[in-house]
Amino acid sequence: MEELQVYLELDRSQQHD
């Protein structure tokens, strides 16, 4: 279930705008 963690990281990276 690491896919969820990757999704969360991506979401956080996108918010770094």
PDB file of N, CA and C in Angstrom:
ATOM      1  N   MET A   1       0.848  -1.216   0.000  1.00  0.00           N
ATOM      2  CA  MET A   1       0.000   0.000   0.000  1.00  0.00           C
ATOM      3  C   MET A   1       0.872   1.252   0.000  1.00  0.00           C
ATOM      4  N   GLU A   2       1.927   1.189  -0.739  1.00  0.00           N
ATOM      5  CA  GLU A   2       2.820   2.372  -0.786  1.00  0.00           C
ATOM      6  C   GLU A   2       2.336   3.361  -1.850  1.00  0.00           C
ATOM      7  N   GLU A   3       1.479   2.906  -2.707  1.00  0.00           N
ATOM      8  CA  GLU A   3       0.984   3.796  -3.774  1.00  0.00           C
ATOM      9  C   GLU A   3       0.282   5.014  -3.173  1.00  0.00           C
ATOM     10  N   LEU A   4      -0.394   4.783  -2.083  1.00  0.00           N
ATOM     11  CA  LEU A   4      -1.102   5.898  -1.426  1.00  0.00           C
ATOM     12  C   LEU A   4      -0.101   6.933  -0.926  1.00  0.00           C
ATOM     13  N   GLN A   5       0.985   6.456  -0.394  1.00  0.00           N
ATOM     14  CA  GLN A   5       1.997   7.386   0.126  1.00  0.00           C
ATOM     15  C   GLN A   5       2.566   8.238  -1.017  1.00  0.00           C
ATOM     16  N   VAL A   6       2.777   7.619  -2.138  1.00  0.00           N
ATOM     17  CA  VAL A   6       3.316   8.363  -3.295  1.00  0.00           C
ATOM     18  C   VAL A   6       2.316   9.427  -3.734  1.00  0.00           C
ATOM     19  N   TYR A   7       1.056   9.065  -3.693  1.00  0.00           N
ATOM     20  CA  TYR A   7       0.011  10.024  -4.090  1.00  0.00           C
ATOM     21  C   TYR A   7       0.035  11.233  -3.153  1.00  0.00           C
ATOM     22  N   LEU A   8       0.178  10.944  -1.872  1.00  0.00           N
ATOM     23  CA  LEU A   8       0.208  12.038  -0.888  1.00  0.00           C
ATOM     24  C   LEU A   8       1.423  12.930  -1.126  1.00  0.00           C
ATOM     25  N   GLU A   9       2.522  12.318  -1.427  1.00  0.00           N
ATOM     26  CA  GLU A   9       3.753  13.111  -1.655  1.00  0.00           C
ATOM     27  C   GLU A   9       3.577  13.994  -2.885  1.00  0.00           C
ATOM     28  N   LEU A  10       2.948  13.459  -3.903  1.00  0.00           N
ATOM     29  CA  LEU A  10       2.732  14.236  -5.130  1.00  0.00           C
ATOM     30  C   LEU A  10       1.810  15.414  -4.831  1.00  0.00           C
ATOM     31  N   ASP A  11       0.783  15.136  -4.070  1.00  0.00           N
ATOM     32  CA  ASP A  11      -0.161  16.202  -3.716  1.00  0.00           C
ATOM     33  C   ASP A  11       0.576  17.316  -2.975  1.00  0.00           C
ATOM     34  N   ARG A  12       1.466  16.921  -2.110  1.00  0.00           N
ATOM     35  CA  ARG A  12       2.197  17.929  -1.310  1.00  0.00           C
ATOM     36  C   ARG A  12       3.164  18.668  -2.239  1.00  0.00           C
ATOM     37  N   SER A  13       3.744  17.990  -3.170  1.00  0.00           N
ATOM     38  CA  SER A  13       4.703  18.622  -4.087  1.00  0.00           C
ATOM     39  C   SER A  13       3.964  19.650  -4.959  1.00  0.00           C
ATOM     40  N   GLN A  14       2.776  19.316  -5.365  1.00  0.00           N
ATOM     41  CA  GLN A  14       2.013  20.243  -6.223  1.00  0.00           C
ATOM     42  C   GLN A  14       1.618  21.495  -5.441  1.00  0.00           C
ATOM     43  N   GLN A  15       1.417  21.345  -4.156  1.00  0.00           N
ATOM     44  CA  GLN A  15       1.028  22.504  -3.334  1.00  0.00           C
ATOM     45  C   GLN A  15       2.221  23.422  -3.096  1.00  0.00           C
ATOM     46  N   HIS A  16       3.376  22.974  -3.483  1.00  0.00           N
ATOM     47  CA  HIS A  16       4.597  23.785  -3.258  1.00  0.00           C
ATOM     48  C   HIS A  16       4.717  24.867  -4.324  1.00  0.00           C
ATOM     49  N   ASP A  17       3.605  25.189  -4.952  1.00  0.00           N
ATOM     50  CA  ASP A  17       3.634  26.179  -6.024  1.00  0.00           C
ATOM     51  C   ASP A  17       4.014  27.532  -5.435  1.00  0.00           C
TER      52      ASP A  17
END
